[in-house]
PDB file of N, CA and C in Angstrom:
ATOM      1  N   MET A   1     -28.939  82.789 -32.694  1.00  0.00           N
ATOM      2  CA  MET A   1     -27.868  82.385 -31.874  1.00  0.00           C
ATOM      3  C   MET A   1     -28.256  81.160 -31.068  1.00  0.00           C
ATOM      4  N   MET A   2     -27.299  80.307 -30.898  1.00  0.00           N
ATOM      5  CA  MET A   2     -27.544  79.070 -30.192  1.00  0.00           C
ATOM      6  C   MET A   2     -26.926  79.114 -28.811  1.00  0.00           C
ATOM      7  N   HIS A   3     -27.703  78.661 -27.844  1.00  0.00           N
ATOM      8  CA  HIS A   3     -27.184  78.583 -26.482  1.00  0.00           C
ATOM      9  C   HIS A   3     -26.990  77.130 -26.117  1.00  0.00           C
ATOM     10  N   ILE A   4     -25.880  76.787 -25.631  1.00  0.00           N
ATOM     11  CA  ILE A   4     -25.600  75.415 -25.208  1.00  0.00           C
ATOM     12  C   ILE A   4     -25.606  75.391 -23.697  1.00  0.00           C
ATOM     13  N   ILE A   5     -26.449  74.514 -23.210  1.00  0.00           N
ATOM     14  CA  ILE A   5     -26.524  74.355 -21.763  1.00  0.00           C
ATOM     15  C   ILE A   5     -25.919  73.011 -21.435  1.00  0.00           C
ATOM     16  N   SER A   6     -25.064  73.013 -20.543  1.00  0.00           N
ATOM     17  CA  SER A   6     -24.389  71.782 -20.159  1.00  0.00           C
ATOM     18  C   SER A   6     -24.566  71.570 -18.677  1.00  0.00           C
ATOM     19  N   SER A   7     -24.857  70.336 -18.349  1.00  0.00           N
ATOM     20  CA  SER A   7     -24.928  70.024 -16.922  1.00  0.00           C
ATOM     21  C   SER A   7     -24.245  68.698 -16.697  1.00  0.00           C
ATOM     22  N   GLN A   8     -23.688  68.572 -15.588  1.00  0.00           N
ATOM     23  CA  GLN A   8     -23.030  67.330 -15.224  1.00  0.00           C
ATOM     24  C   GLN A   8     -23.631  66.845 -13.931  1.00  0.00           C
ATOM     25  N   THR A   9     -23.959  65.581 -13.959  1.00  0.00           N
ATOM     26  CA  THR A   9     -24.485  64.976 -12.749  1.00  0.00           C
ATOM     27  C   THR A   9     -23.556  63.852 -12.365  1.00  0.00           C
ATOM     28  N   SER A  10     -23.249  63.812 -11.151  1.00  0.00           N
ATOM     29  CA  SER A  10     -22.386  62.772 -10.635  1.00  0.00           C
ATOM     30  C   SER A  10     -23.231  61.557 -10.288  1.00  0.00           C
ATOM     31  N   VAL A  11     -22.870  60.450 -10.832  1.00  0.00           N
ATOM     32  CA  VAL A  11     -23.562  59.206 -10.498  1.00  0.00           C
ATOM     33  C   VAL A  11     -22.554  58.312  -9.824  1.00  0.00           C
ATOM     34  N   ASN A  12     -22.946  57.847  -8.685  1.00  0.00           N
ATOM     35  CA  ASN A  12     -22.059  56.987  -7.925  1.00  0.00           C
ATOM     36  C   ASN A  12     -22.437  55.536  -8.224  1.00  0.00           C
ATOM     37  N   VAL A  13     -21.690  54.886  -9.082  1.00  0.00           N
ATOM     38  CA  VAL A  13     -21.939  53.488  -9.438  1.00  0.00           C
ATOM     39  C   VAL A  13     -20.982  52.638  -8.625  1.00  0.00           C
ATOM     40  N   PRO A  14     -21.572  51.723  -7.848  1.00  0.00           N
ATOM     41  CA  PRO A  14     -20.673  50.879  -7.058  1.00  0.00           C
ATOM     42  C   PRO A  14     -19.867  49.971  -7.987  1.00  0.00           C
ATOM     43  N   SER A  15     -18.631  49.862  -7.701  1.00  0.00           N
ATOM     44  CA  SER A  15     -17.785  49.006  -8.531  1.00  0.00           C
ATOM     45  C   SER A  15     -17.939  47.556  -8.070  1.00  0.00           C
ATOM     46  N   MET A  16     -17.852  46.651  -9.037  1.00  0.00           N
ATOM     47  CA  MET A  16     -17.978  45.234  -8.704  1.00  0.00           C
ATOM     48  C   MET A  16     -16.598  44.702  -8.401  1.00  0.00           C
ATOM     49  N   ASN A  17     -16.543  43.959  -7.338  1.00  0.00           N
ATOM     50  CA  ASN A  17     -15.267  43.330  -7.068  1.00  0.00           C
ATOM     51  C   ASN A  17     -15.234  41.970  -7.762  1.00  0.00           C
ATOM     52  N   ARG A  18     -14.159  41.302  -7.694  1.00  0.00           N
ATOM     53  CA  ARG A  18     -13.949  40.045  -8.422  1.00  0.00           C
ATOM     54  C   ARG A  18     -14.933  38.962  -7.987  1.00  0.00           C
ATOM     55  N   THR A  19     -15.234  38.848  -6.717  1.00  0.00           N
ATOM     56  CA  THR A  19     -16.145  37.795  -6.246  1.00  0.00           C
ATOM     57  C   THR A  19     -17.562  38.042  -6.741  1.00  0.00           C
ATOM     58  N   ASP A  20     -17.983  39.306  -6.850  1.00  0.00           N
ATOM     59  CA  ASP A  20     -19.310  39.604  -7.402  1.00  0.00           C
ATOM     60  C   ASP A  20     -19.377  39.189  -8.872  1.00  0.00           C
ATOM     61  N   ALA A  21     -18.326  39.468  -9.620  1.00  0.00           N
ATOM     62  CA  ALA A  21     -18.300  39.115 -11.042  1.00  0.00           C
ATOM     63  C   ALA A  21     -18.348  37.601 -11.221  1.00  0.00           C
ATOM     64  N   VAL A  22     -17.622  36.869 -10.397  1.00  0.00           N
ATOM     65  CA  VAL A  22     -17.636  35.401 -10.477  1.00  0.00           C
ATOM     66  C   VAL A  22     -19.016  34.882 -10.112  1.00  0.00           C
ATOM     67  N   GLY A  23     -19.630  35.453  -9.085  1.00  0.00           N
ATOM     68  CA  GLY A  23     -20.977  35.047  -8.681  1.00  0.00           C
ATOM     69  C   GLY A  23     -21.988  35.291  -9.786  1.00  0.00           C
ATOM     70  N   ASN A  24     -21.865  36.437 -10.463  1.00  0.00           N
ATOM     71  CA  ASN A  24     -22.774  36.741 -11.570  1.00  0.00           C
ATOM     72  C   ASN A  24     -22.600  35.750 -12.718  1.00  0.00           C
ATOM     73  N   ARG A  25     -21.361  35.385 -13.013  1.00  0.00           N
ATOM     74  CA  ARG A  25     -21.119  34.409 -14.083  1.00  0.00           C
ATOM     75  C   ARG A  25     -21.692  33.047 -13.713  1.00  0.00           C
ATOM     76  N   LYS A  26     -21.574  32.670 -12.449  1.00  0.00           N
ATOM     77  CA  LYS A  26     -22.131  31.383 -12.007  1.00  0.00           C
ATOM     78  C   LYS A  26     -23.651  31.392 -12.132  1.00  0.00           C
ATOM     79  N   ARG A  27     -24.275  32.491 -11.712  1.00  0.00           N
ATOM     80  CA  ARG A  27     -25.736  32.595 -11.832  1.00  0.00           C
ATOM     81  C   ARG A  27     -26.162  32.542 -13.293  1.00  0.00           C
ATOM     82  N   LEU A  28     -25.439  33.246 -14.138  1.00  0.00           N
ATOM     83  CA  LEU A  28     -25.740  33.248 -15.565  1.00  0.00           C
ATOM     84  C   LEU A  28     -25.556  31.848 -16.155  1.00  0.00           C
ATOM     85  N   GLY A  29     -24.516  31.164 -15.722  1.00  0.00           N
ATOM     86  CA  GLY A  29     -24.271  29.793 -16.185  1.00  0.00           C
ATOM     87  C   GLY A  29     -25.379  28.851 -15.750  1.00  0.00           C
ATOM     88  N   ARG A  30     -25.818  28.980 -14.488  1.00  0.00           N
ATOM     89  CA  ARG A  30     -26.914  28.132 -13.992  1.00  0.00           C
ATOM     90  C   ARG A  30     -28.201  28.419 -14.747  1.00  0.00           C
ATOM     91  N   LEU A  31     -28.452  29.692 -15.010  1.00  0.00           N
ATOM     92  CA  LEU A  31     -29.654  30.078 -15.750  1.00  0.00           C
ATOM     93  C   LEU A  31     -29.617  29.508 -17.173  1.00  0.00           C
ATOM     94  N   ALA A  32     -28.468  29.590 -17.815  1.00  0.00           N
ATOM     95  CA  ALA A  32     -28.325  29.040 -19.170  1.00  0.00           C
ATOM     96  C   ALA A  32     -28.500  27.526 -19.161  1.00  0.00           C
ATOM     97  N   LEU A  33     -27.929  26.858 -18.169  1.00  0.00           N
ATOM     98  CA  LEU A  33     -28.060  25.405 -18.056  1.00  0.00           C
ATOM     99  C   LEU A  33     -29.508  25.009 -17.812  1.00  0.00           C
ATOM    100  N   THR A  34     -30.197  25.740 -16.952  1.00  0.00           N
ATOM    101  CA  THR A  34     -31.613  25.466 -16.692  1.00  0.00           C
ATOM    102  C   THR A  34     -32.432  25.641 -17.964  1.00  0.00           C
ATOM    103  N   GLY A  35     -32.161  26.696 -18.708  1.00  0.00           N
ATOM    104  CA  GLY A  35     -32.865  26.919 -19.972  1.00  0.00           C
ATOM    105  C   GLY A  35     -32.604  25.806 -20.972  1.00  0.00           C
ATOM    106  N   LEU A  36     -31.366  25.350 -21.034  1.00  0.00           N
ATOM    107  CA  LEU A  36     -31.012  24.264 -21.944  1.00  0.00           C
ATOM    108  C   LEU A  36     -31.728  22.973 -21.564  1.00  0.00           C
ATOM    109  N   VAL A  37     -31.753  22.654 -20.276  1.00  0.00           N
ATOM    110  CA  VAL A  37     -32.438  21.444 -19.809  1.00  0.00           C
ATOM    111  C   VAL A  37     -33.928  21.529 -20.113  1.00  0.00           C
ATOM    112  N   LEU A  38     -34.548  22.672 -19.857  1.00  0.00           N
ATOM    113  CA  LEU A  38     -35.976  22.830 -20.153  1.00  0.00           C
ATOM    114  C   LEU A  38     -36.250  22.696 -21.650  1.00  0.00           C
ATOM    115  N   ALA A  39     -35.393  23.278 -22.467  1.00  0.00           N
ATOM    116  CA  ALA A  39     -35.570  23.167 -23.920  1.00  0.00           C
ATOM    117  C   ALA A  39     -35.454  21.714 -24.372  1.00  0.00           C
ATOM    118  N   MET A  40     -34.523  20.964 -23.778  1.00  0.00           N
ATOM    119  CA  MET A  40     -34.370  19.552 -24.127  1.00  0.00           C
ATOM    120  C   MET A  40     -35.595  18.749 -23.703  1.00  0.00           C
ATOM    121  N   ILE A  41     -36.116  19.016 -22.511  1.00  0.00           N
ATOM    122  CA  ILE A  41     -37.304  18.305 -22.032  1.00  0.00           C
ATOM    123  C   ILE A  41     -38.489  18.583 -22.947  1.00  0.00           C
ATOM    124  N   ILE A  42     -38.674  19.833 -23.308  1.00  0.00           N
ATOM    125  CA  ILE A  42     -39.784  20.189 -24.204  1.00  0.00           C
ATOM    126  C   ILE A  42     -39.596  19.527 -25.571  1.00  0.00           C
ATOM    127  N   GLY A  43     -38.384  19.535 -26.083  1.00  0.00           N
ATOM    128  CA  GLY A  43     -38.115  18.911 -27.382  1.00  0.00           C
ATOM    129  C   GLY A  43     -38.364  17.415 -27.368  1.00  0.00           C
ATOM    130  N   ILE A  44     -37.870  16.741 -26.340  1.00  0.00           N
ATOM    131  CA  ILE A  44     -38.072  15.289 -26.231  1.00  0.00           C
ATOM    132  C   ILE A  44     -39.546  14.974 -26.062  1.00  0.00           C
ATOM    133  N   SER A  45     -40.250  15.754 -25.247  1.00  0.00           N
ATOM    134  CA  SER A  45     -41.688  15.539 -25.060  1.00  0.00           C
ATOM    135  C   SER A  45     -42.444  15.712 -26.369  1.00  0.00           C
ATOM    136  N   THR A  46     -42.051  16.692 -27.147  1.00  0.00           N
ATOM    137  CA  THR A  46     -42.702  16.926 -28.439  1.00  0.00           C
ATOM    138  C   THR A  46     -42.493  15.749 -29.379  1.00  0.00           C
ATOM    139  N   VAL A  47     -41.277  15.236 -29.423  1.00  0.00           N
ATOM    140  CA  VAL A  47     -40.987  14.095 -30.295  1.00  0.00           C
ATOM    141  C   VAL A  47     -41.770  12.865 -29.847  1.00  0.00           C
ATOM    142  N   ILE A  48     -41.790  12.596 -28.549  1.00  0.00           N
ATOM    143  CA  ILE A  48     -42.519  11.434 -28.030  1.00  0.00           C
ATOM    144  C   ILE A  48     -44.004  11.571 -28.323  1.00  0.00           C
ATOM    145  N   THR A  49     -44.552  12.748 -28.109  1.00  0.00           N
ATOM    146  CA  THR A  49     -45.975  12.970 -28.386  1.00  0.00           C
ATOM    147  C   THR A  49     -46.273  12.782 -29.868  1.00  0.00           C
ATOM    148  N   ALA A  50     -45.387  13.265 -30.715  1.00  0.00           N
ATOM    149  CA  ALA A  50     -45.601  13.115 -32.159  1.00  0.00           C
ATOM    150  C   ALA A  50     -45.566  11.650 -32.574  1.00  0.00           C
ATOM    151  N   LEU A  51     -44.661  10.891 -31.967  1.00  0.00           N
ATOM    152  CA  LEU A  51     -44.541   9.483 -32.335  1.00  0.00           C
ATOM    153  C   LEU A  51     -45.660   8.629 -31.766  1.00  0.00           C
ATOM    154  N   LEU A  52     -46.070   8.916 -30.545  1.00  0.00           N
ATOM    155  CA  LEU A  52     -47.056   8.070 -29.878  1.00  0.00           C
ATOM    156  C   LEU A  52     -48.452   8.658 -29.843  1.00  0.00           C
ATOM    157  N   GLY A  53     -48.588   9.914 -30.189  1.00  0.00           N
ATOM    158  CA  GLY A  53     -49.874  10.587 -30.065  1.00  0.00           C
ATOM    159  C   GLY A  53     -50.989   9.968 -30.867  1.00  0.00           C
ATOM    160  N   ASN A  54     -50.704   9.502 -32.049  1.00  0.00           N
ATOM    161  CA  ASN A  54     -51.730   8.925 -32.908  1.00  0.00           C
ATOM    162  C   ASN A  54     -51.579   7.421 -33.014  1.00  0.00           C
ATOM    163  N   SER A  55     -51.073   6.782 -31.979  1.00  0.00           N
ATOM    164  CA  SER A  55     -50.826   5.350 -32.058  1.00  0.00           C
ATOM    165  C   SER A  55     -52.106   4.564 -32.296  1.00  0.00           C
ATOM    166  N   ASP A  56     -53.245   5.029 -31.777  1.00  0.00           N
ATOM    167  CA  ASP A  56     -54.504   4.328 -32.009  1.00  0.00           C
ATOM    168  C   ASP A  56     -54.879   4.372 -33.483  1.00  0.00           C
ATOM    169  N   ALA A  57     -54.669   5.502 -34.110  1.00  0.00           N
ATOM    170  CA  ALA A  57     -54.988   5.619 -35.531  1.00  0.00           C
ATOM    171  C   ALA A  57     -54.086   4.710 -36.357  1.00  0.00           C
ATOM    172  N   TYR A  58     -52.800   4.667 -36.010  1.00  0.00           N
ATOM    173  CA  TYR A  58     -51.885   3.798 -36.737  1.00  0.00           C
ATOM    174  C   TYR A  58     -52.191   2.334 -36.474  1.00  0.00           C
ATOM    175  N   ALA A  59     -52.533   2.004 -35.240  1.00  0.00           N
ATOM    176  CA  ALA A  59     -52.852   0.616 -34.904  1.00  0.00           C
ATOM    177  C   ALA A  59     -54.082   0.155 -35.668  1.00  0.00           C
ATOM    178  N   ALA A  60     -55.093   0.989 -35.737  1.00  0.00           N
ATOM    179  CA  ALA A  60     -56.314   0.624 -36.450  1.00  0.00           C
ATOM    180  C   ALA A  60     -56.023   0.441 -37.937  1.00  0.00           C
ATOM    181  N   ALA A  61     -55.159   1.267 -38.477  1.00  0.00           N
ATOM    182  CA  ALA A  61     -54.842   1.166 -39.898  1.00  0.00           C
ATOM    183  C   ALA A  61     -54.004  -0.070 -40.199  1.00  0.00           C
ATOM    184  N   SER A  62     -53.226  -0.543 -39.225  1.00  0.00           N
ATOM    185  CA  SER A  62     -52.343  -1.673 -39.479  1.00  0.00           C
ATOM    186  C   SER A  62     -53.014  -3.021 -39.247  1.00  0.00           C
ATOM    187  N   LEU A  63     -54.179  -3.042 -38.601  1.00  0.00           N
ATOM    188  CA  LEU A  63     -54.883  -4.304 -38.381  1.00  0.00           C
ATOM    189  C   LEU A  63     -55.522  -4.781 -39.674  1.00  0.00           C
ATOM    190  N   PRO A  64     -55.553  -6.092 -39.848  1.00  0.00           N
ATOM    191  CA  PRO A  64     -56.279  -6.604 -41.006  1.00  0.00           C
ATOM    192  C   PRO A  64     -57.748  -6.222 -40.895  1.00  0.00           C
ATOM    193  N   ALA A  65     -58.396  -6.091 -42.033  1.00  0.00           N
ATOM    194  CA  ALA A  65     -59.794  -5.666 -42.044  1.00  0.00           C
ATOM    195  C   ALA A  65     -60.663  -6.623 -41.239  1.00  0.00           C
ATOM    196  N   GLU A  66     -60.389  -7.902 -41.340  1.00  0.00           N
ATOM    197  CA  GLU A  66     -61.217  -8.879 -40.647  1.00  0.00           C
ATOM    198  C   GLU A  66     -60.322 -10.023 -40.189  1.00  0.00           C
ATOM    199  N   GLN A  67     -60.423 -10.376 -38.917  1.00  0.00           N
ATOM    200  CA  GLN A  67     -59.676 -11.512 -38.407  1.00  0.00           C
ATOM    201  C   GLN A  67     -60.661 -12.631 -38.122  1.00  0.00           C
ATOM    202  N   HIS A  68     -60.363 -13.786 -38.654  1.00  0.00           N
ATOM    203  CA  HIS A  68     -61.233 -14.934 -38.439  1.00  0.00           C
ATOM    204  C   HIS A  68     -60.773 -15.680 -37.199  1.00  0.00           C
ATOM    205  N   THR A  69     -61.739 -16.068 -36.394  1.00  0.00           N
ATOM    206  CA  THR A  69     -61.445 -16.809 -35.175  1.00  0.00           C
ATOM    207  C   THR A  69     -62.313 -18.053 -35.117  1.00  0.00           C
ATOM    208  N   VAL A  70     -61.929 -18.937 -34.236  1.00  0.00           N
ATOM    209  CA  VAL A  70     -62.715 -20.138 -33.974  1.00  0.00           C
ATOM    210  C   VAL A  70     -62.701 -20.356 -32.462  1.00  0.00           C
ATOM    211  N   ILE A  71     -63.839 -20.780 -31.929  1.00  0.00           N
ATOM    212  CA  ILE A  71     -63.923 -21.136 -30.514  1.00  0.00           C
ATOM    213  C   ILE A  71     -63.752 -22.649 -30.420  1.00  0.00           C
ATOM    214  N   VAL A  72     -62.782 -23.069 -29.629  1.00  0.00           N
ATOM    215  CA  VAL A  72     -62.499 -24.497 -29.483  1.00  0.00           C
ATOM    216  C   VAL A  72     -63.661 -25.163 -28.754  1.00  0.00           C
ATOM    217  N   GLU A  73     -64.123 -26.259 -29.331  1.00  0.00           N
ATOM    218  CA  GLU A  73     -65.188 -27.047 -28.704  1.00  0.00           C
ATOM    219  C   GLU A  73     -64.581 -28.314 -28.118  1.00  0.00           C
ATOM    220  N   ARG A  74     -65.326 -28.945 -27.235  1.00  0.00           N
ATOM    221  CA  ARG A  74     -64.857 -30.176 -26.605  1.00  0.00           C
ATOM    222  C   ARG A  74     -64.539 -31.213 -27.692  1.00  0.00           C
ATOM    223  N   GLY A  75     -63.356 -31.798 -27.600  1.00  0.00           N
ATOM    224  CA  GLY A  75     -62.934 -32.814 -28.562  1.00  0.00           C
ATOM    225  C   GLY A  75     -62.155 -32.257 -29.741  1.00  0.00           C
ATOM    226  N   ASP A  76     -62.110 -30.925 -29.896  1.00  0.00           N
ATOM    227  CA  ASP A  76     -61.343 -30.331 -30.998  1.00  0.00           C
ATOM    228  C   ASP A  76     -59.846 -30.509 -30.761  1.00  0.00           C
ATOM    229  N   THR A  77     -59.121 -30.649 -31.844  1.00  0.00           N
ATOM    230  CA  THR A  77     -57.660 -30.669 -31.816  1.00  0.00           C
ATOM    231  C   THR A  77     -57.176 -29.672 -32.859  1.00  0.00           C
ATOM    232  N   LEU A  78     -55.906 -29.344 -32.796  1.00  0.00           N
ATOM    233  CA  LEU A  78     -55.365 -28.450 -33.820  1.00  0.00           C
ATOM    234  C   LEU A  78     -55.486 -29.099 -35.199  1.00  0.00           C
ATOM    235  N   TRP A  79     -55.326 -30.394 -35.231  1.00  0.00           N
ATOM    236  CA  TRP A  79     -55.435 -31.118 -36.502  1.00  0.00           C
ATOM    237  C   TRP A  79     -56.845 -31.001 -37.072  1.00  0.00           C
ATOM    238  N   SER A  80     -57.866 -31.190 -36.218  1.00  0.00           N
ATOM    239  CA  SER A  80     -59.250 -31.115 -36.708  1.00  0.00           C
ATOM    240  C   SER A  80     -59.604 -29.688 -37.130  1.00  0.00           C
ATOM    241  N   ILE A  81     -59.119 -28.707 -36.382  1.00  0.00           N
ATOM    242  CA  ILE A  81     -59.374 -27.303 -36.748  1.00  0.00           C
ATOM    243  C   ILE A  81     -58.678 -26.979 -38.068  1.00  0.00           C
ATOM    244  N   ALA A  82     -57.443 -27.458 -38.232  1.00  0.00           N
ATOM    245  CA  ALA A  82     -56.708 -27.226 -39.476  1.00  0.00           C
ATOM    246  C   ALA A  82     -57.452 -27.841 -40.654  1.00  0.00           C
ATOM    247  N   ASN A  83     -57.935 -29.060 -40.490  1.00  0.00           N
ATOM    248  CA  ASN A  83     -58.649 -29.729 -41.587  1.00  0.00           C
ATOM    249  C   ASN A  83     -59.955 -29.025 -41.934  1.00  0.00           C
ATOM    250  N   GLU A  84     -60.590 -28.369 -40.957  1.00  0.00           N
ATOM    251  CA  GLU A  84     -61.839 -27.638 -41.217  1.00  0.00           C
ATOM    252  C   GLU A  84     -61.593 -26.339 -41.986  1.00  0.00           C
ATOM    253  N   HIS A  85     -60.476 -25.683 -41.712  1.00  0.00           N
ATOM    254  CA  HIS A  85     -60.276 -24.319 -42.212  1.00  0.00           C
ATOM    255  C   HIS A  85     -59.183 -24.182 -43.267  1.00  0.00           C
ATOM    256  N   ILE A  86     -58.474 -25.237 -43.543  1.00  0.00           N
ATOM    257  CA  ILE A  86     -57.372 -25.157 -44.500  1.00  0.00           C
ATOM    258  C   ILE A  86     -57.911 -25.016 -45.924  1.00  0.00           C
ATOM    259  N   ALA A  87     -57.172 -24.317 -46.744  1.00  0.00           N
ATOM    260  CA  ALA A  87     -57.542 -24.191 -48.160  1.00  0.00           C
ATOM    261  C   ALA A  87     -57.366 -25.549 -48.834  1.00  0.00           C
ATOM    262  N   LYS A  88     -58.149 -25.771 -49.853  1.00  0.00           N
ATOM    263  CA  LYS A  88     -58.097 -27.046 -50.568  1.00  0.00           C
ATOM    264  C   LYS A  88     -56.679 -27.285 -51.089  1.00  0.00           C
ATOM    265  N   GLY A  89     -56.152 -28.460 -50.787  1.00  0.00           N
ATOM    266  CA  GLY A  89     -54.807 -28.820 -51.222  1.00  0.00           C
ATOM    267  C   GLY A  89     -53.714 -28.298 -50.307  1.00  0.00           C
ATOM    268  N   GLY A  90     -54.084 -27.619 -49.196  1.00  0.00           N
ATOM    269  CA  GLY A  90     -53.094 -27.074 -48.272  1.00  0.00           C
ATOM    270  C   GLY A  90     -52.499 -28.154 -47.384  1.00  0.00           C
ATOM    271  N   ASN A  91     -51.368 -27.871 -46.801  1.00  0.00           N
ATOM    272  CA  ASN A  91     -50.678 -28.805 -45.920  1.00  0.00           C
ATOM    273  C   ASN A  91     -51.129 -28.553 -44.485  1.00  0.00           C
ATOM    274  N   PRO A  92     -51.790 -29.543 -43.825  1.00  0.00           N
ATOM    275  CA  PRO A  92     -52.266 -29.343 -42.450  1.00  0.00           C
ATOM    276  C   PRO A  92     -51.137 -29.044 -41.468  1.00  0.00           C
ATOM    277  N   ARG A  93     -49.972 -29.612 -41.676  1.00  0.00           N
ATOM    278  CA  ARG A  93     -48.849 -29.370 -40.756  1.00  0.00           C
ATOM    279  C   ARG A  93     -48.416 -27.895 -40.812  1.00  0.00           C
ATOM    280  N   GLU A  94     -48.356 -27.341 -41.999  1.00  0.00           N
ATOM    281  CA  GLU A  94     -48.006 -25.922 -42.143  1.00  0.00           C
ATOM    282  C   GLU A  94     -49.084 -25.036 -41.525  1.00  0.00           C
ATOM    283  N   TYR A  95     -50.355 -25.423 -41.712  1.00  0.00           N
ATOM    284  CA  TYR A  95     -51.461 -24.656 -41.143  1.00  0.00           C
ATOM    285  C   TYR A  95     -51.390 -24.682 -39.618  1.00  0.00           C
ATOM    286  N   ILE A  96     -51.114 -25.868 -39.052  1.00  0.00           N
ATOM    287  CA  ILE A  96     -51.002 -25.993 -37.590  1.00  0.00           C
ATOM    288  C   ILE A  96     -49.830 -25.152 -37.085  1.00  0.00           C
ATOM    289  N   TYR A  97     -48.721 -25.163 -37.806  1.00  0.00           N
ATOM    290  CA  TYR A  97     -47.568 -24.347 -37.423  1.00  0.00           C
ATOM    291  C   TYR A  97     -47.958 -22.865 -37.368  1.00  0.00           C
ATOM    292  N   GLU A  98     -48.642 -22.384 -38.406  1.00  0.00           N
ATOM    293  CA  GLU A  98     -49.082 -20.985 -38.453  1.00  0.00           C
ATOM    294  C   GLU A  98     -50.114 -20.691 -37.364  1.00  0.00           C
ATOM    295  N   LEU A  99     -51.008 -21.638 -37.115  1.00  0.00           N
ATOM    296  CA  LEU A  99     -52.031 -21.491 -36.074  1.00  0.00           C
ATOM    297  C   LEU A  99     -51.375 -21.348 -34.702  1.00  0.00           C
ATOM    298  N   LYS A 100     -50.387 -22.191 -34.418  1.00  0.00           N
ATOM    299  CA  LYS A 100     -49.670 -22.116 -33.137  1.00  0.00           C
ATOM    300  C   LYS A 100     -48.901 -20.801 -33.021  1.00  0.00           C
ATOM    301  N   LYS A 101     -48.253 -20.409 -34.107  1.00  0.00           N
ATOM    302  CA  LYS A 101     -47.465 -19.171 -34.099  1.00  0.00           C
ATOM    303  C   LYS A 101     -48.359 -17.954 -33.870  1.00  0.00           C
ATOM    304  N   LYS A 102     -49.483 -17.905 -34.560  1.00  0.00           N
ATOM    305  CA  LYS A 102     -50.386 -16.755 -34.467  1.00  0.00           C
ATOM    306  C   LYS A 102     -51.007 -16.628 -33.082  1.00  0.00           C
ATOM    307  N   ASN A 103     -51.189 -17.754 -32.382  1.00  0.00           N
ATOM    308  CA  ASN A 103     -51.845 -17.751 -31.077  1.00  0.00           C
ATOM    309  C   ASN A 103     -50.873 -17.914 -29.916  1.00  0.00           C
ATOM    310  N   GLY A 104     -49.588 -17.952 -30.206  1.00  0.00           N
ATOM    311  CA  GLY A 104     -48.582 -18.057 -29.154  1.00  0.00           C
ATOM    312  C   GLY A 104     -48.628 -19.385 -28.418  1.00  0.00           C
ATOM    313  N   LEU A 105     -48.993 -20.440 -29.117  1.00  0.00           N
ATOM    314  CA  LEU A 105     -49.063 -21.768 -28.495  1.00  0.00           C
ATOM    315  C   LEU A 105     -47.697 -22.438 -28.568  1.00  0.00           C
ATOM    316  N   LYS A 106     -47.267 -23.007 -27.431  1.00  0.00           N
ATOM    317  CA  LYS A 106     -45.975 -23.693 -27.395  1.00  0.00           C
ATOM    318  C   LYS A 106     -46.104 -25.149 -27.807  1.00  0.00           C
ATOM    319  N   ASP A 107     -47.288 -25.686 -27.607  1.00  0.00           N
ATOM    320  CA  ASP A 107     -47.533 -27.068 -28.016  1.00  0.00           C
ATOM    321  C   ASP A 107     -48.949 -27.169 -28.572  1.00  0.00           C
ATOM    322  N   ALA A 108     -49.428 -28.388 -28.743  1.00  0.00           N
ATOM    323  CA  ALA A 108     -50.733 -28.595 -29.378  1.00  0.00           C
ATOM    324  C   ALA A 108     -51.880 -28.595 -28.375  1.00  0.00           C
ATOM    325  N   SER A 109     -51.618 -28.242 -27.127  1.00  0.00           N
ATOM    326  CA  SER A 109     -52.664 -28.271 -26.099  1.00  0.00           C
ATOM    327  C   SER A 109     -53.623 -27.100 -26.275  1.00  0.00           C
ATOM    328  N   ILE A 110     -54.903 -27.427 -26.418  1.00  0.00           N
ATOM    329  CA  ILE A 110     -55.961 -26.418 -26.465  1.00  0.00           C
ATOM    330  C   ILE A 110     -57.089 -26.901 -25.578  1.00  0.00           C
ATOM    331  N   ARG A 111     -57.978 -26.000 -25.165  1.00  0.00           N
ATOM    332  CA  ARG A 111     -59.078 -26.388 -24.276  1.00  0.00           C
ATOM    333  C   ARG A 111     -60.391 -25.813 -24.794  1.00  0.00           C
ATOM    334  N   ALA A 112     -61.475 -26.450 -24.433  1.00  0.00           N
ATOM    335  CA  ALA A 112     -62.804 -26.010 -24.859  1.00  0.00           C
ATOM    336  C   ALA A 112     -63.046 -24.586 -24.370  1.00  0.00           C
ATOM    337  N   GLY A 113     -63.616 -23.756 -25.240  1.00  0.00           N
ATOM    338  CA  GLY A 113     -63.901 -22.361 -24.909  1.00  0.00           C
ATOM    339  C   GLY A 113     -62.798 -21.403 -25.311  1.00  0.00           C
ATOM    340  N   GLN A 114     -61.643 -21.935 -25.638  1.00  0.00           N
ATOM    341  CA  GLN A 114     -60.514 -21.102 -26.040  1.00  0.00           C
ATOM    342  C   GLN A 114     -60.782 -20.517 -27.427  1.00  0.00           C
ATOM    343  N   GLN A 115     -60.448 -19.241 -27.604  1.00  0.00           N
ATOM    344  CA  GLN A 115     -60.620 -18.593 -28.905  1.00  0.00           C
ATOM    345  C   GLN A 115     -59.272 -18.571 -29.616  1.00  0.00           C
ATOM    346  N   LEU A 116     -59.253 -19.035 -30.845  1.00  0.00           N
ATOM    347  CA  LEU A 116     -58.025 -19.067 -31.635  1.00  0.00           C
ATOM    348  C   LEU A 116     -58.170 -18.176 -32.862  1.00  0.00           C
ATOM    349  N   LEU A 117     -57.121 -17.416 -33.138  1.00  0.00           N
ATOM    350  CA  LEU A 117     -57.066 -16.640 -34.381  1.00  0.00           C
ATOM    351  C   LEU A 117     -56.623 -17.573 -35.496  1.00  0.00           C
ATOM    352  N   LEU A 118     -57.331 -17.532 -36.586  1.00  0.00           N
ATOM    353  CA  LEU A 118     -56.982 -18.388 -37.718  1.00  0.00           C
ATOM    354  C   LEU A 118     -55.994 -17.671 -38.626  1.00  0.00           C
ATOM    355  N   PRO A 119     -55.029 -18.415 -39.163  1.00  0.00           N
ATOM    356  CA  PRO A 119     -54.063 -17.796 -40.084  1.00  0.00           C
ATOM    357  C   PRO A 119     -54.703 -17.435 -41.416  1.00  0.00           C
TER     358      PRO A 119
END
């Protein structure tokens, strides 16, 4: 035979009024917005770190194996440097143009001791 025991306990649950419900929704909304902002910050930081994190490795890989330079001596001109380093049959004017471009020179002014990257 089975005996069924039943008990009832009264629980007094305070009812929420309308202002409490609105306050809870606002808190929940603020919490969701805060979570969204934090997730965006973490995501953006991850992307930036991924793009810039190995910049030294990429920079080293993108540099030419060897860059030739010349130190300007007293009396040197771009023309004389071009004539010293130009390939046989090359155009000195084109070489000077490339030399100025590579070194960020606006004109033909150079000074003794200045280091120039050769094209």
